[in-house]
Protein backbone atom coordinates (compact mmCIF):
# COMPACT_ATOMS: atom_id res chain seq x y z
CA UNK A 1 -35.78 -26.09 -44.64
CA UNK A 2 -37.36 -29.35 -44.19
CA UNK A 3 -40.84 -30.23 -45.27
CA UNK A 4 -43.34 -27.66 -44.60
CA UNK A 5 -41.61 -26.29 -41.43
CA UNK A 6 -39.17 -23.24 -41.45
CA UNK A 7 -37.89 -21.11 -38.43
CA UNK A 8 -38.60 -17.62 -37.69
CA UNK A 9 -35.31 -16.75 -38.36
CA UNK A 10 -34.91 -18.34 -41.78
CA UNK A 11 -38.77 -16.71 -42.36
CA UNK A 12 -36.91 -13.26 -41.33
CA UNK A 13 -33.76 -13.59 -43.76
CA UNK A 14 -35.91 -14.89 -46.60
CA UNK A 15 -38.22 -11.93 -46.38
CA UNK A 16 -35.19 -9.70 -46.16
CA UNK A 17 -33.76 -11.17 -49.27
CA UNK A 18 -37.34 -11.00 -51.10
CA UNK A 19 -37.51 -7.11 -50.33
CA UNK A 20 -34.19 -6.63 -51.46
CA UNK A 21 -35.23 -8.41 -55.26
CA UNK A 22 -38.13 -6.17 -55.03
CA UNK A 23 -36.27 -2.76 -54.44
CA UNK A 24 -32.91 -3.54 -56.03
CA UNK A 25 -34.14 -2.56 -59.80
CA UNK A 26 -35.36 0.91 -58.54
CA UNK A 27 -32.77 1.42 -56.47
CA UNK A 28 -30.12 0.68 -58.84
CA UNK A 29 -32.34 3.18 -61.52
CA UNK A 30 -32.15 5.64 -58.98
CA UNK A 31 -28.71 5.65 -58.34
CA UNK A 32 -27.65 5.82 -62.36
CA UNK A 33 -30.21 9.20 -62.40
CA UNK A 34 -28.68 10.67 -59.38
CA UNK A 35 -25.09 10.31 -61.08
CA UNK A 36 -26.00 11.77 -64.37
CA UNK A 37 -28.18 14.69 -62.32
CA UNK A 38 -25.03 15.25 -60.27
CA UNK A 39 -22.46 15.72 -63.47
CA UNK A 40 -24.47 17.64 -65.14
CA UNK A 41 -23.87 21.75 -64.88
CA UNK A 42 -27.37 22.35 -63.65
CA UNK A 43 -27.81 25.40 -60.62
CA UNK A 44 -27.95 23.24 -57.67
CA UNK A 45 -31.65 24.01 -56.86
CA UNK A 46 -32.82 22.42 -60.48
CA UNK A 47 -30.45 19.47 -59.34
CA UNK A 48 -32.25 19.23 -56.13
CA UNK A 49 -35.61 19.36 -58.02
CA UNK A 50 -34.50 16.87 -60.51
CA UNK A 51 -33.07 14.31 -57.74
CA UNK A 52 -36.50 14.57 -55.63
CA UNK A 53 -38.29 13.91 -58.90
CA UNK A 54 -36.19 10.73 -59.39
CA UNK A 55 -36.97 9.66 -55.72
CA UNK A 56 -40.33 9.81 -56.52
CA UNK A 57 -40.17 7.82 -59.68
CA UNK A 58 -38.05 5.26 -57.99
CA UNK A 59 -40.65 4.93 -55.64
CA UNK A 60 -43.48 4.72 -57.31
CA UNK A 61 -41.60 1.46 -59.53
CA UNK A 62 -40.84 0.04 -55.74
CA UNK A 63 -44.52 0.48 -54.84
CA UNK A 64 -45.68 -1.25 -58.21
CA UNK A 65 -42.97 -4.00 -57.69
CA UNK A 66 -44.64 -4.59 -54.12
CA UNK A 67 -48.03 -4.23 -55.38
CA UNK A 68 -46.93 -7.37 -58.07
CA UNK A 69 -45.69 -9.03 -55.57
CA UNK A 70 -48.80 -9.15 -53.31
CA UNK A 71 -50.82 -9.85 -56.20
CA UNK A 72 -48.69 -12.94 -57.07
CA UNK A 73 -48.62 -13.78 -53.44
CA UNK A 74 -52.49 -13.85 -53.32
CA UNK A 75 -52.49 -16.12 -56.58
CA UNK A 76 -50.16 -18.70 -55.36
CA UNK A 77 -52.39 -19.32 -52.25
CA UNK A 78 -55.29 -19.19 -54.24
CA UNK A 79 -53.86 -21.90 -57.00
CA UNK A 80 -51.15 -23.97 -54.74
CA UNK A 81 -52.58 -23.17 -51.24
CA UNK A 82 -50.95 -21.04 -48.63
CA UNK A 83 -47.31 -21.96 -47.15
CA UNK A 84 -47.33 -23.65 -43.17
CA UNK A 85 -45.78 -20.27 -42.04
CA UNK A 86 -47.86 -17.99 -43.85
CA UNK A 87 -51.03 -20.16 -42.14
CA UNK A 88 -49.48 -20.33 -38.88
CA UNK A 89 -48.62 -16.44 -38.56
CA UNK A 90 -52.43 -15.86 -39.82
CA UNK A 91 -54.77 -18.55 -38.37
CA UNK A 92 -56.02 -21.30 -39.52
CA UNK A 93 -59.36 -19.80 -41.09
CA UNK A 94 -59.32 -19.07 -44.96
CA UNK A 95 -61.24 -15.91 -44.85
CA UNK A 96 -58.84 -14.35 -42.13
CA UNK A 97 -56.04 -15.16 -44.47
CA UNK A 98 -57.73 -13.56 -47.84
CA UNK A 99 -58.63 -10.49 -45.76
CA UNK A 100 -55.01 -9.65 -44.97
CA UNK A 101 -54.21 -10.30 -48.45
CA UNK A 102 -56.80 -8.51 -49.58
CA UNK A 103 -55.90 -5.49 -47.35
CA UNK A 104 -52.37 -5.69 -48.57
CA UNK A 105 -53.11 -5.28 -52.03
CA UNK A 106 -55.25 -2.20 -51.60
CA UNK A 107 -52.44 -0.61 -49.32
CA UNK A 108 -50.17 -1.28 -51.92
CA UNK A 109 -52.45 0.25 -54.67
CA UNK A 110 -52.80 3.26 -52.55
CA UNK A 111 -48.94 3.79 -52.26
CA UNK A 112 -48.64 3.52 -56.11
CA UNK A 113 -51.35 6.31 -56.62
CA UNK A 114 -49.61 8.68 -53.77
CA UNK A 115 -46.17 8.13 -55.21
CA UNK A 116 -47.81 8.88 -58.57
CA UNK A 117 -49.12 12.02 -57.73
CA UNK A 118 -45.80 12.83 -55.68
CA UNK A 119 -43.92 12.59 -59.16
CA UNK A 120 -45.68 15.61 -60.33
CA UNK A 121 -45.66 17.77 -57.11
CA UNK A 122 -41.96 17.43 -57.16
CA UNK A 123 -41.57 17.91 -61.07
CA UNK A 124 -43.09 21.03 -60.58
CA UNK A 125 -40.46 22.91 -58.83
CA UNK A 126 -38.78 23.05 -62.35
CA UNK A 127 -40.84 26.00 -63.19
CA UNK A 128 -38.59 28.11 -61.32
CA UNK A 129 -35.66 27.05 -62.84
CA UNK A 130 -37.81 27.88 -66.22
CA UNK A 131 -38.76 31.10 -65.23
CA UNK A 132 -35.21 32.02 -64.70
CA UNK A 133 -34.28 30.30 -67.88
CA UNK A 134 -31.53 28.27 -66.14
CA UNK A 135 -32.83 25.19 -67.39
CA UNK A 136 -33.61 24.18 -71.53
CA UNK A 137 -37.27 24.04 -70.95
CA UNK A 138 -39.51 27.06 -71.01
CA UNK A 139 -42.57 27.21 -68.34
CA UNK A 140 -44.90 26.31 -71.26
CA UNK A 141 -42.78 23.12 -71.72
CA UNK A 142 -42.82 22.43 -67.99
CA UNK A 143 -46.59 22.73 -67.82
CA UNK A 144 -47.05 20.39 -70.70
CA UNK A 145 -45.24 17.67 -69.03
CA UNK A 146 -47.37 18.54 -65.78
CA UNK A 147 -50.22 18.19 -67.96
CA UNK A 148 -49.24 14.99 -69.23
CA UNK A 149 -48.96 13.69 -65.91
CA UNK A 150 -52.30 15.27 -64.50
CA UNK A 151 -54.18 13.77 -67.25
CA UNK A 152 -53.42 9.82 -66.61
CA UNK A 153 -56.27 7.97 -65.77
CA UNK A 154 -57.65 4.14 -65.21
CA UNK A 155 -61.29 4.78 -65.96
CA UNK A 156 -62.18 1.39 -64.26
CA UNK A 157 -60.60 2.62 -60.78
CA UNK A 158 -62.60 5.74 -60.78
CA UNK A 159 -64.11 8.58 -63.11
CA UNK A 160 -60.93 10.83 -62.03
CA UNK A 161 -57.44 11.50 -63.03
CA UNK A 162 -54.74 9.26 -60.96
CA UNK A 163 -53.59 12.27 -59.24
CA UNK A 164 -57.03 13.01 -58.06
CA UNK A 165 -57.42 9.59 -56.82
CA UNK A 166 -54.63 9.98 -54.63
CA UNK A 167 -56.12 13.09 -53.01
CA UNK A 168 -58.93 10.92 -52.22
CA UNK A 169 -56.54 8.38 -50.53
CA UNK A 170 -54.93 10.78 -48.62
CA UNK A 171 -57.42 12.84 -47.33
CA UNK A 172 -60.93 11.27 -47.52
CA UNK A 173 -61.30 7.38 -48.16
CA UNK A 174 -59.03 4.44 -48.38
CA UNK A 175 -60.71 3.72 -51.58
CA UNK A 176 -59.57 5.98 -54.78
CA UNK A 177 -63.06 6.79 -55.75
CA UNK A 178 -64.63 7.11 -52.34
CA UNK A 179 -67.66 5.06 -53.19
CA UNK A 180 -67.05 2.03 -51.29
CA UNK A 181 -67.01 1.31 -47.64
CA UNK A 182 -65.62 -2.12 -47.82
CA UNK A 183 -62.46 -4.34 -48.88
CA UNK A 184 -63.03 -6.25 -52.11
CA UNK A 185 -61.28 -8.28 -54.23
CA UNK A 186 -62.48 -10.57 -57.15
CA UNK A 187 -61.40 -14.00 -58.06
CA UNK A 188 -61.51 -14.98 -61.80
CA UNK A 189 -60.93 -17.91 -63.44
CA UNK A 190 -61.73 -21.71 -63.07
CA UNK A 191 -58.06 -23.77 -63.64
CA UNK A 192 -55.93 -21.14 -62.71
CA UNK A 193 -57.64 -18.16 -60.74
CA UNK A 194 -56.59 -14.53 -60.95
CA UNK A 195 -57.22 -11.83 -58.43
CA UNK A 196 -58.75 -8.71 -59.89
CA UNK A 197 -59.51 -5.16 -58.03
CA UNK A 198 -62.26 -4.41 -60.37
CA UNK A 199 -64.66 -7.03 -62.07
CA UNK A 200 -63.43 -7.92 -65.71
CA UNK A 201 -60.24 -5.74 -65.63
CA UNK A 202 -56.77 -5.85 -65.09
CA UNK A 203 -55.90 -2.91 -63.08
CA UNK A 204 -52.82 -4.02 -61.81
CA UNK A 205 -51.37 -4.46 -65.37
CA UNK A 206 -52.73 -0.95 -66.18
CA UNK A 207 -51.07 0.20 -63.20
CA UNK A 208 -47.85 -1.28 -64.40
CA UNK A 209 -48.19 0.87 -67.79
CA UNK A 210 -48.86 4.29 -65.94
CA UNK A 211 -45.45 3.53 -64.27
CA UNK A 212 -43.81 2.44 -67.02
CA UNK A 213 -44.86 5.72 -69.03
CA UNK A 214 -44.03 7.80 -65.99
CA UNK A 215 -40.29 6.65 -66.23
CA UNK A 216 -39.89 6.74 -69.84
CA UNK A 217 -41.58 10.49 -69.44
CA UNK A 218 -39.31 11.31 -66.58
CA UNK A 219 -36.01 9.85 -68.31
CA UNK A 220 -37.00 12.52 -71.53
CA UNK A 221 -37.08 14.96 -69.20
CA UNK A 222 -33.69 14.14 -67.49
CA UNK A 223 -31.86 13.75 -71.30
CA UNK A 224 -32.76 16.62 -71.95
CA UNK A 225 -31.76 18.99 -69.02
CA UNK A 226 -28.75 17.24 -68.72
């Protein structure tokens, strides 16, 4: 790579490495959880429910990694300027580039919300195993875990819990709380600029806390059952 120029082949190869770096932690985590489930004495149907839920948890983590990478990319453009290859591919107008970066971040937010809802949808299949007393959890205990998932919320994103916000994204509007018709990103800071989805609130970091809490919750369930 010389100066500010990079070939399309190099860009494609670097992007592939970049994507793998984002996906590798979630892929490794999923591989270990599937191995644990496969070695258990659970009924096949209950193993499948756990594997499907593990896939959702891993996909949630991967979606969040992509969101964080998009945030870092946007902030790098704001603070250091856009790389030549990015300017070439998106056009020389700064407004056009920022619109694309903004859209990318909101798509990743939607992806995180949808995978979060999917975790609960798939975990619910454990109720059958609990009803038939095949697993070491009662229906009430499974429902308690589902209630914890259903109750998680980030008030700055809207008045509803995250699962309901995902429903809005899937069925009604691109924006979780359905109150907007335009894409917005807020830039905060003077010397070092930061990207915000809502003024004065670091929503992306709060989503990261949700992702981690969900992973820990699922690992607790898995440890109990296997």
